[in-house]
Protein backbone atom coordinates (compact mmCIF):
# COMPACT_ATOMS: atom_id res chain seq x y z
CA MET A 1 119.91 65.83 -107.62
CA ASP A 2 121.79 65.65 -110.92
CA ASP A 3 125.47 66.54 -111.24
CA ALA A 4 124.79 69.48 -113.55
CA ALA A 5 122.56 71.17 -110.97
CA ASP A 6 125.16 70.60 -108.24
CA ARG A 7 127.90 72.09 -110.42
CA ARG A 8 125.73 75.10 -111.20
CA ARG A 9 124.98 75.72 -107.52
CA THR A 10 128.64 75.28 -106.61
CA ALA A 11 129.59 77.88 -109.23
CA ILE A 12 126.94 80.30 -107.92
CA PHE A 13 128.23 79.87 -104.36
CA LEU A 14 131.85 80.48 -105.39
CA LEU A 15 130.89 83.53 -107.42
CA ALA A 16 128.81 84.97 -104.58
CA ILE A 17 131.50 84.75 -101.91
CA SER A 18 134.25 85.89 -104.29
CA VAL A 19 132.34 88.98 -105.41
CA TYR A 20 131.24 89.86 -101.89
CA PHE A 21 134.70 89.78 -100.31
CA ALA A 22 136.30 91.52 -103.30
CA VAL A 23 133.75 94.33 -102.85
CA GLN A 24 134.45 94.43 -99.10
CA ALA A 25 138.19 94.79 -99.69
CA GLY A 26 137.53 97.57 -102.20
CA LEU A 27 135.13 99.27 -99.79
CA ARG A 28 137.74 99.33 -97.01
CA LEU A 29 140.27 100.89 -99.38
CA ALA A 30 137.73 103.42 -100.64
CA LEU A 31 136.62 104.45 -97.15
CA GLY A 32 140.21 104.90 -96.00
CA GLY A 33 140.69 106.85 -92.79
CA ALA A 34 142.68 105.93 -89.72
CA TYR A 35 143.53 102.33 -88.86
CA GLU A 36 141.24 100.47 -86.48
CA THR A 37 142.79 99.08 -83.28
CA ASP A 38 143.42 95.57 -84.63
CA GLU A 39 144.73 96.93 -87.93
CA ALA A 40 147.02 99.31 -86.07
CA GLU A 41 148.24 96.42 -83.92
CA MET A 42 149.60 94.71 -87.02
CA LEU A 43 151.73 97.75 -87.84
CA VAL A 44 153.56 97.61 -84.50
CA MET A 45 153.50 93.87 -83.81
CA THR A 46 155.12 92.65 -87.04
CA PRO A 47 158.78 93.74 -86.71
CA GLY A 48 159.99 90.60 -88.50
CA LEU A 49 159.60 86.83 -88.59
CA ARG A 50 159.64 85.59 -84.99
CA LEU A 51 158.32 82.64 -83.01
CA GLY A 52 156.16 84.96 -80.91
CA TYR A 53 155.07 88.58 -80.77
CA GLY A 54 152.96 89.04 -77.67
CA PRO A 55 149.76 87.80 -76.08
CA GLN A 56 148.34 86.80 -79.48
CA LEU A 57 149.50 83.66 -81.24
CA PRO A 58 151.78 84.31 -84.24
CA LEU A 59 150.07 82.85 -87.34
CA TYR A 60 148.24 86.04 -88.34
CA ASN A 61 151.41 88.07 -87.86
CA TRP A 62 153.36 85.70 -90.11
CA LEU A 63 150.84 85.95 -92.92
CA GLN A 64 150.56 89.70 -92.46
CA LEU A 65 154.31 90.02 -92.82
CA GLY A 66 154.08 88.23 -96.16
CA PHE A 67 151.34 90.56 -97.35
CA PHE A 68 153.35 93.58 -96.19
CA GLU A 69 156.26 92.33 -98.30
CA LEU A 70 153.99 91.99 -101.34
CA PHE A 71 151.84 95.12 -101.01
CA GLY A 72 153.69 97.43 -98.60
CA ARG A 73 152.96 98.26 -94.96
CA GLY A 74 149.59 99.84 -95.48
CA LEU A 75 145.88 99.43 -95.89
CA PRO A 76 145.91 97.25 -99.06
CA ALA A 77 147.89 94.50 -97.32
CA LEU A 78 145.62 94.64 -94.27
CA ALA A 79 142.34 94.61 -96.22
CA LEU A 80 143.41 91.88 -98.65
CA LEU A 81 144.55 89.45 -95.96
CA LYS A 82 141.43 89.98 -93.87
CA ASN A 83 139.05 89.36 -96.75
CA LEU A 84 141.06 86.46 -98.13
CA LEU A 85 140.79 84.70 -94.75
CA LEU A 86 137.04 85.30 -94.57
CA TRP A 87 136.58 84.06 -98.15
CA ALA A 88 138.60 80.95 -97.29
CA THR A 89 136.44 80.36 -94.22
CA TYR A 90 133.23 80.06 -96.21
CA LEU A 91 134.94 78.09 -98.97
CA ALA A 92 136.45 75.52 -96.59
CA VAL A 93 133.17 74.99 -94.73
CA PHE A 94 131.37 74.49 -98.05
CA LEU A 95 133.97 72.00 -99.29
CA GLY A 96 133.78 70.02 -96.07
CA LEU A 97 129.99 69.89 -96.06
CA ARG A 98 129.95 69.09 -99.77
CA LEU A 99 131.68 65.77 -99.06
CA TRP A 100 128.50 64.66 -97.27
CA LEU A 101 125.72 66.83 -98.67
CA PRO A 102 124.29 68.15 -101.97
CA ALA A 103 125.70 71.49 -103.11
CA ALA A 104 122.55 73.45 -102.20
CA THR A 105 122.56 72.18 -98.60
CA ALA A 106 126.32 72.65 -98.28
CA ALA A 107 125.95 76.24 -99.49
CA LEU A 108 123.14 76.85 -97.01
CA GLY A 109 125.24 75.48 -94.16
CA ALA A 110 128.33 77.51 -95.12
CA LEU A 111 126.50 80.79 -95.75
CA SER A 112 124.57 80.44 -92.49
CA LEU A 113 127.79 81.56 -90.78
CA PHE A 114 127.06 85.02 -92.18
CA LEU A 115 124.14 85.26 -89.76
CA ILE A 116 126.56 85.34 -86.82
CA PRO A 117 127.07 89.06 -86.05
CA ASP A 118 130.76 88.68 -85.26
CA LEU A 119 131.33 87.19 -88.73
CA ALA A 120 129.13 89.50 -90.74
CA TRP A 121 130.08 92.73 -88.95
CA GLU A 122 132.99 92.57 -86.51
CA ALA A 123 135.14 90.42 -88.78
CA GLN A 124 134.97 93.20 -91.38
CA ARG A 125 135.01 96.20 -89.08
CA ALA A 126 137.73 95.34 -86.64
CA THR A 127 139.05 91.85 -85.93
CA THR A 128 142.21 90.16 -87.19
CA HIS A 129 143.23 87.17 -85.07
CA SER A 130 139.59 86.10 -84.69
CA ASN A 131 139.45 85.91 -88.49
CA MET A 132 142.41 83.55 -88.40
CA LEU A 133 140.54 81.50 -85.79
CA LEU A 134 137.61 81.21 -88.21
CA ALA A 135 139.76 80.29 -91.20
CA THR A 136 141.69 77.58 -89.35
CA SER A 137 138.48 76.28 -87.75
CA ALA A 138 136.95 76.00 -91.21
CA ALA A 139 140.04 74.21 -92.52
CA THR A 140 139.87 71.85 -89.55
CA LEU A 141 136.20 71.10 -90.14
CA ALA A 142 136.79 70.39 -93.83
CA ALA A 143 139.79 68.14 -93.10
CA PHE A 144 137.95 66.34 -90.30
CA LEU A 145 134.95 65.61 -92.53
CA TRP A 146 137.34 64.41 -95.24
CA ALA A 147 139.04 62.06 -92.76
CA MET A 148 135.67 60.79 -91.57
CA ARG A 149 134.56 60.22 -95.17
CA ARG A 150 137.73 58.79 -96.71
CA GLY A 151 140.05 57.86 -93.82
CA SER A 152 143.19 58.05 -95.98
CA PHE A 153 146.64 58.79 -94.60
CA LEU A 154 146.62 62.06 -96.57
CA SER A 155 143.34 63.20 -95.02
CA TRP A 156 144.69 62.67 -91.50
CA ALA A 157 147.91 64.48 -92.41
CA VAL A 158 145.91 67.44 -93.75
CA LEU A 159 143.88 67.43 -90.53
CA GLY A 160 147.11 67.50 -88.51
CA LEU A 161 148.32 70.47 -90.56
CA ALA A 162 145.02 72.28 -89.98
CA ILE A 163 145.13 71.61 -86.22
CA GLY A 164 148.74 72.74 -86.01
CA LEU A 165 147.96 76.00 -87.80
CA GLY A 166 144.84 76.48 -85.69
CA GLY A 167 146.97 76.03 -82.59
CA LEU A 168 148.94 79.06 -83.77
CA ALA A 169 145.84 81.14 -84.51
CA LYS A 170 144.02 81.71 -81.21
CA TYR A 171 143.84 79.84 -77.91
CA ASN A 172 140.12 79.06 -78.01
CA TYR A 173 140.59 77.37 -81.40
CA PHE A 174 141.20 74.03 -79.65
CA LEU A 175 137.51 73.86 -78.75
CA VAL A 176 136.81 72.98 -82.40
CA PRO A 177 138.94 69.84 -82.94
CA VAL A 178 138.37 68.54 -79.40
CA ALA A 179 134.60 69.00 -79.64
CA LEU A 180 134.48 67.42 -83.11
CA GLY A 181 136.44 64.44 -81.86
CA LEU A 182 134.19 63.93 -78.84
CA ALA A 183 131.07 64.27 -80.96
CA ALA A 184 132.37 61.77 -83.52
CA LEU A 185 132.83 59.21 -80.73
CA THR A 186 129.08 59.36 -80.09
CA LEU A 187 128.19 58.56 -83.72
CA ALA A 188 128.57 54.99 -84.96
CA PRO A 189 129.29 55.96 -88.62
CA MET A 190 132.29 58.04 -87.48
CA ARG A 191 133.51 56.31 -84.33
CA GLY A 192 135.33 53.56 -86.21
CA ALA A 193 137.22 56.01 -88.42
CA LEU A 194 138.33 58.07 -85.43
CA LEU A 195 139.59 55.09 -83.42
CA ARG A 196 141.92 53.82 -86.14
CA ARG A 197 145.66 54.02 -85.44
CA ARG A 198 146.29 56.20 -88.48
CA ALA A 199 144.23 58.93 -86.78
CA LEU A 200 147.28 59.51 -84.53
CA ILE A 201 148.94 61.17 -87.53
CA ALA A 202 146.85 64.31 -86.89
CA PRO A 203 147.86 65.11 -83.27
CA GLY A 204 151.43 64.03 -83.98
CA LEU A 205 151.85 66.42 -86.90
CA ALA A 206 150.03 69.20 -85.06
CA GLY A 207 152.39 68.83 -82.11
CA LEU A 208 155.41 69.23 -84.36
CA ILE A 209 153.98 72.41 -85.87
CA VAL A 210 153.26 74.15 -82.56
CA ALA A 211 156.35 72.92 -80.67
CA ALA A 212 158.73 75.83 -81.32
CA PRO A 213 156.20 78.70 -80.84
CA TYR A 214 154.87 77.10 -77.66
CA ALA A 215 158.42 76.71 -76.34
CA TRP A 216 158.87 80.45 -76.97
CA MET A 217 155.68 81.12 -74.97
CA LEU A 218 157.01 79.18 -72.00
CA GLN A 219 160.26 81.11 -72.15
CA ASN A 220 158.44 84.48 -72.39
CA ARG A 221 155.50 83.98 -70.04
CA ASP A 222 155.23 87.63 -69.01
CA LEU A 223 154.64 88.67 -72.62
CA ALA A 224 152.78 85.63 -73.95
CA PHE A 225 150.23 85.63 -71.13
CA SER A 226 150.01 89.37 -70.51
CA SER A 227 146.39 89.49 -71.72
CA LEU A 228 145.10 87.15 -69.03
CA GLY A 229 143.93 90.27 -67.22
CA LYS A 230 141.02 90.39 -69.70
CA LEU A 231 139.53 87.41 -67.87
CA HIS A 232 139.42 89.32 -64.57
CA ILE A 233 140.37 86.13 -62.76
CA ASP A 234 139.01 86.48 -59.26
CA ALA A 235 141.77 85.00 -57.13
CA GLY A 236 140.32 86.57 -54.04
CA ALA A 237 136.78 85.26 -54.38
CA ALA A 238 134.88 84.47 -51.23
CA PRO A 239 135.38 80.83 -50.13
CA GLY A 240 131.64 80.12 -50.34
CA ARG A 241 131.26 81.46 -53.88
CA LEU A 242 131.12 78.47 -56.21
CA VAL A 243 129.92 80.03 -59.50
CA PRO A 244 132.34 82.54 -61.08
CA GLU A 245 130.85 85.66 -62.61
CA GLY A 246 132.04 84.67 -66.08
CA LEU A 247 129.88 81.55 -66.01
CA SER A 248 126.73 83.61 -65.50
CA GLN A 249 127.66 85.60 -68.63
CA LEU A 250 127.89 82.49 -70.81
CA PRO A 251 124.17 82.28 -71.78
CA GLY A 252 124.06 85.95 -72.73
CA GLY A 253 127.20 85.66 -74.81
CA LEU A 254 125.82 82.67 -76.68
CA LEU A 255 122.50 84.43 -77.25
CA ALA A 256 124.29 87.42 -78.76
CA LEU A 257 125.86 85.11 -81.34
CA MET A 258 122.92 82.78 -81.93
CA ALA A 259 119.83 85.04 -81.78
CA LEU A 260 119.80 86.05 -85.46
CA PRO A 261 120.53 82.54 -86.83
CA LEU A 262 117.76 81.11 -84.63
CA LEU A 263 115.31 83.79 -85.77
CA VAL A 264 116.07 83.23 -89.47
CA ALA A 265 115.81 79.46 -89.03
CA LEU A 266 112.42 79.88 -87.34
CA ILE A 267 111.14 82.13 -90.15
CA ALA A 268 112.32 79.70 -92.83
CA TRP A 269 110.75 76.73 -91.04
CA GLY A 270 107.47 78.60 -90.58
CA LEU A 271 107.33 79.49 -94.29
CA SER A 272 107.85 75.79 -95.14
CA LEU A 273 104.93 74.46 -93.11
CA GLY A 274 102.31 72.80 -95.30
CA ARG A 275 104.51 72.99 -98.40
CA ARG A 276 106.48 70.35 -100.25
CA ARG A 277 109.85 69.88 -98.64
CA ALA A 278 113.18 68.42 -99.70
CA GLU A 279 113.31 64.64 -99.59
CA THR A 280 117.06 64.13 -99.17
CA GLY A 281 118.21 63.73 -95.57
CA ALA A 282 121.44 65.21 -94.21
CA GLY A 283 122.83 62.00 -92.70
CA PRO A 284 124.95 62.15 -89.53
CA LEU A 285 126.50 65.55 -90.29
CA PRO A 286 124.00 67.80 -88.44
CA ALA A 287 124.21 65.53 -85.39
CA LEU A 288 128.02 65.78 -85.48
CA LEU A 289 128.00 69.57 -85.59
CA LEU A 290 125.27 70.09 -83.02
CA ARG A 291 126.77 67.60 -80.59
CA ALA A 292 130.18 69.17 -81.10
CA ALA A 293 128.66 72.58 -80.25
CA LEU A 294 127.22 71.12 -77.03
CA PHE A 295 130.60 69.63 -76.10
CA ALA A 296 132.19 73.02 -76.81
CA VAL A 297 129.72 74.69 -74.44
CA VAL A 298 130.56 72.19 -71.70
CA LEU A 299 134.31 72.60 -72.26
CA THR A 300 133.97 76.39 -72.20
CA ALA A 301 131.96 76.32 -68.98
CA ALA A 302 134.53 74.01 -67.40
CA GLY A 303 137.33 76.36 -68.43
CA ILE A 304 135.53 79.38 -66.99
CA TRP A 305 134.92 77.48 -63.76
CA ALA A 306 138.51 76.24 -63.50
CA ALA A 307 139.96 79.71 -64.17
CA HIS A 308 137.30 81.40 -62.02
CA ALA A 309 137.01 83.95 -64.82
CA GLY A 310 135.21 87.12 -63.88
CA THR A 311 134.22 88.13 -67.40
CA ILE A 312 133.89 86.73 -70.92
CA THR A 313 133.00 88.26 -74.27
CA SER A 314 130.88 86.81 -77.07
CA ARG A 315 133.94 86.80 -79.35
CA TRP A 316 135.57 84.12 -77.19
CA LEU A 317 132.53 81.91 -77.83
CA LEU A 318 132.89 81.98 -81.62
CA PRO A 319 133.99 78.31 -81.86
CA ILE A 320 130.64 77.28 -80.36
CA ALA A 321 128.60 79.33 -82.83
CA PHE A 322 130.87 78.19 -85.67
CA LEU A 323 129.80 74.60 -85.00
CA ALA A 324 126.20 75.22 -83.95
CA VAL A 325 124.94 77.45 -86.77
CA PRO A 326 125.89 75.22 -89.75
CA GLY A 327 124.65 72.29 -87.70
CA LEU A 328 121.30 74.00 -87.23
CA PHE A 329 120.85 74.86 -90.90
CA THR A 330 122.01 71.51 -92.28
CA ALA A 331 119.55 69.83 -89.90
CA LEU A 332 116.83 72.23 -91.05
CA ALA A 333 117.57 71.90 -94.78
CA PRO A 334 115.53 68.70 -95.44
CA ARG A 335 112.56 70.33 -93.69
CA LEU A 336 112.61 73.47 -95.83
CA ALA A 337 110.43 74.07 -98.83
CA ALA A 338 111.76 76.06 -101.77
CA ARG A 339 110.13 79.19 -100.34
CA GLY A 340 111.93 78.73 -97.03
CA ARG A 341 115.34 78.29 -98.67
CA THR A 342 114.79 81.30 -100.92
CA THR A 343 113.85 83.40 -97.90
CA VAL A 344 117.07 82.46 -96.09
CA PHE A 345 119.25 83.43 -99.05
CA ALA A 346 117.27 86.64 -99.58
CA LEU A 347 117.72 87.64 -95.93
CA MET A 348 121.45 87.00 -96.24
CA ALA A 349 121.62 89.23 -99.31
CA VAL A 350 119.79 92.01 -97.46
CA LEU A 351 122.13 91.57 -94.49
CA ALA A 352 125.14 91.86 -96.80
CA LEU A 353 123.86 95.18 -98.14
CA LEU A 354 123.16 96.42 -94.62
CA VAL A 355 126.68 95.49 -93.52
CA MET A 356 128.25 97.43 -96.37
CA ALA A 357 126.03 100.44 -95.69
CA GLY A 358 126.76 100.19 -91.98
CA LEU A 359 130.50 100.14 -92.57
CA GLY A 360 130.19 103.35 -94.53
CA TYR A 361 128.24 104.94 -91.70
CA ASP A 362 130.69 103.61 -89.11
CA ARG A 363 133.53 105.30 -90.96
CA PHE A 364 131.93 108.76 -90.98
CA LYS A 365 129.74 108.86 -87.86
CA ASP A 366 130.57 111.36 -85.11
CA GLY A 367 133.37 110.05 -82.94
CA ALA A 368 134.39 107.28 -85.36
CA ARG A 369 137.94 106.11 -84.78
CA ARG A 370 138.59 105.89 -88.50
CA ASP A 371 137.63 109.56 -88.81
CA VAL A 372 140.46 110.83 -86.57
CA VAL A 373 143.15 112.72 -88.49
CA PHE A 374 146.55 111.56 -87.27
CA ASP A 375 148.57 113.48 -89.86
CA SER A 376 149.73 116.13 -87.39
CA LEU A 377 150.68 113.68 -84.60
CA PRO A 378 154.40 113.33 -85.49
CA ALA A 379 154.74 117.13 -85.57
CA ARG A 380 152.95 117.45 -82.21
CA LEU A 381 155.38 115.02 -80.63
CA ALA A 382 158.36 116.79 -82.19
CA GLU A 383 157.30 120.01 -80.42
CA ILE A 384 157.74 118.42 -76.97
CA ASP A 385 161.03 119.61 -75.43
CA GLY A 386 163.48 116.77 -75.08
CA ALA A 387 161.33 114.25 -77.02
CA GLU A 388 163.36 114.20 -80.24
CA GLY A 389 164.56 110.67 -80.95
CA VAL A 390 162.98 109.34 -77.74
CA PRO A 391 161.12 106.03 -77.94
CA VAL A 392 157.33 106.20 -77.68
CA ILE A 393 154.91 103.89 -75.88
CA ALA A 394 151.21 104.11 -76.78
CA GLU A 395 148.15 101.86 -76.88
CA PHE A 396 147.70 99.89 -80.11
CA TYR A 397 145.35 102.31 -81.89
CA THR A 398 147.64 105.31 -81.44
CA ALA A 399 150.87 103.35 -81.82
CA GLY A 400 149.86 101.81 -85.14
CA ASN A 401 148.64 105.04 -86.69
CA LEU A 402 151.79 106.82 -85.53
CA ALA A 403 153.98 104.04 -86.91
CA ALA A 404 152.34 104.41 -90.32
CA LEU A 405 153.22 108.12 -90.39
CA ALA A 406 156.66 107.91 -88.75
CA PRO A 407 158.20 104.55 -89.66
CA GLY A 408 161.61 105.59 -88.35
CA LEU A 409 160.34 106.23 -84.83
CA GLN A 410 160.86 103.68 -82.04
CA ILE A 411 157.30 102.74 -81.01
CA ALA A 412 155.99 100.03 -78.71
CA PRO A 413 152.56 99.23 -77.25
CA TYR A 414 151.82 98.84 -73.55
CA LEU A 415 153.21 95.30 -73.39
CA PRO A 416 156.02 93.95 -71.17
CA PHE A 417 158.64 93.83 -73.94
CA ALA A 418 158.65 97.65 -74.17
CA ALA A 419 160.67 98.06 -70.98
CA HIS A 420 163.19 95.44 -72.09
CA ARG A 421 163.48 97.04 -75.52
CA PHE A 422 163.94 100.62 -74.31
CA GLY A 423 165.54 100.05 -70.87
CA ALA A 424 166.59 102.97 -68.71
CA GLY A 425 166.38 106.52 -70.01
CA PRO A 426 163.80 108.92 -71.45
CA VAL A 427 160.57 107.45 -72.78
CA LEU A 428 157.53 109.32 -74.12
CA PHE A 429 154.25 107.82 -72.86
CA LEU A 430 151.11 108.63 -74.82
CA PHE A 431 147.62 108.31 -73.30
CA ARG A 432 144.53 108.34 -75.51
CA GLU A 433 141.74 109.80 -73.40
CA HIS A 434 142.09 107.61 -70.29
CA VAL A 435 143.94 104.64 -71.82
CA PRO A 436 145.89 103.80 -69.74
CA PRO A 437 144.59 105.79 -66.78
CA SER A 438 147.96 106.83 -65.33
CA LEU A 439 151.70 106.76 -65.91
CA GLU A 440 152.21 104.32 -63.06
CA ILE A 441 149.73 101.81 -64.50
CA GLY A 442 151.12 102.29 -68.00
CA ALA A 443 154.69 101.73 -66.81
CA VAL A 444 153.70 98.41 -65.24
CA GLN A 445 151.84 97.36 -68.41
CA ALA A 446 154.97 98.22 -70.39
CA GLY A 447 157.13 95.95 -68.25
CA TRP A 448 158.62 98.11 -65.52
CA PRO A 449 158.12 96.53 -62.10
CA ALA A 450 155.29 97.68 -59.87
CA GLY A 451 156.47 100.18 -57.29
CA SER A 452 158.70 102.07 -59.73
CA GLY A 453 156.17 104.90 -59.91
CA ALA A 454 156.51 108.50 -58.81
CA GLY A 455 159.08 108.78 -56.05
CA SER A 456 160.38 105.27 -56.75
CA GLY A 457 162.53 105.65 -59.81
CA ILE A 458 160.46 107.46 -62.48
CA GLU A 459 161.46 111.07 -63.14
CA ARG A 460 158.80 113.14 -64.93
CA LEU A 461 160.54 115.51 -67.38
CA GLN A 462 157.62 116.94 -69.34
CA GLU A 463 153.87 116.40 -69.42
CA GLY A 464 150.94 117.96 -71.17
CA ALA A 465 147.93 117.43 -73.39
CA PHE A 466 146.79 117.99 -76.95
CA SER A 467 143.99 116.82 -79.22
CA LEU A 468 143.58 115.56 -82.77
CA PRO A 469 140.68 116.60 -85.01
CA TYR A 470 138.04 114.44 -86.64
CA ARG A 471 137.72 114.77 -90.39
CA GLY A 472 133.93 114.98 -90.49
CA SER A 473 133.03 116.86 -87.30
CA SER A 474 134.19 119.62 -85.02
CA ALA A 475 134.98 117.18 -82.19
CA GLU A 476 138.53 116.34 -81.17
CA MET A 477 140.11 113.27 -79.59
CA PRO A 478 142.05 114.19 -76.42
CA PHE A 479 145.54 112.88 -75.69
CA ARG A 480 147.93 113.26 -72.77
CA TYR A 481 151.66 112.67 -72.71
CA VAL A 482 154.39 112.25 -70.12
CA LEU A 483 158.07 112.36 -71.01
CA ALA A 484 159.73 110.40 -68.23
CA ARG A 485 163.18 109.13 -67.38
CA MET A 486 162.66 105.47 -66.60
CA PRO A 487 164.70 103.42 -64.13
CA ALA A 488 166.87 100.48 -65.10
CA LEU A 489 165.22 97.08 -64.87
CA PRO A 490 166.36 94.80 -62.03
């Protein structure tokens, strides 16, 4: 393949991802509406530059703070950061693959990530920290492939920087560098590069980057690990039960992520049968990625087993799909005829249009969270006797939307730091529908000790209910509130 053709295809790839994510950012701003849960979380979990903020690792919060400083605490800062991270994800994967592959194959491998539903849909609709996981995983892959290709001191230092940042993005990020390292050990062309002493630069630099935030986590365990309940760890499992429930959910979670990429790959391969195919092989790269995905599956299963996790979600398995899908399509690329490649790119273009149309529908459908009108919420709270100037505790969705409308109000989510921040005295608890289900459960989630419920220190002063309207329908979202005098912490 001549250099001019590679440059042209690189330019087309860069233009495509840049236009797409610019349009997505504009679409989010045009659709407007209430903040989604993860967006709202950023409005209440970014009080300033800190080593830690809660159960999520701090890198996204740090970047979001910077965007808030540049663009204000509102939707433009949220939408721009999200789409910039997603753009960087595809760019970094392309650059890493391009070190080993022609531009057309590198573009196919990078864009294949768009076939993962959590990247095409959820990453736009809702998620924040998972987007940081993807961006740092992509940076890690690019730096790792650079180190395997060049082996310079700079490439290992860049890899250490990527691993350190990934270690501050999301806990399951570590599946990516560990799995890549294990897979490289099984491949002769890469084993020698990995076993050189200069490779120690990467873990050393990464350790320096994560040291202070991880020290904060150890000093604030109740807050940093407060989301472990999502795993439903079954400490009381029957002695004879060897397989935790979460392990049985692993195949289904992987299928949810991999079904569409596998289907598209099968269609493209079928359309290439009997036709002239590409002659250039992909070298050891597909083997690296696919073996790394297998190692990531084994590591995930071992973690589920060790933790005896009772539940998992497909989102936690993103590192596996992140490795497997580009591995699948770079392995398939030499076997595809021109018709097969064109079909893959055409299907991605159709999917992109469907995603944008779906986001518009999701904004205006009956019961859509973005369609709730929060404008009257501060006034509703002001009408509660004795609630003026009282701190408020609410789940992320409500807390963030309230914070946007009443920036001077003391607001905290149902996390353990709330009790330490507000201490003894009146606190207004808000409950969206049945989240959380009761004052007693909410008080424990907010950091007051169990057993401080009714009759054990909490004095209910006022309680009631109200609802907020939807913009596009006659339905209303129900809320409950309890104004309570809370006991002092031990």
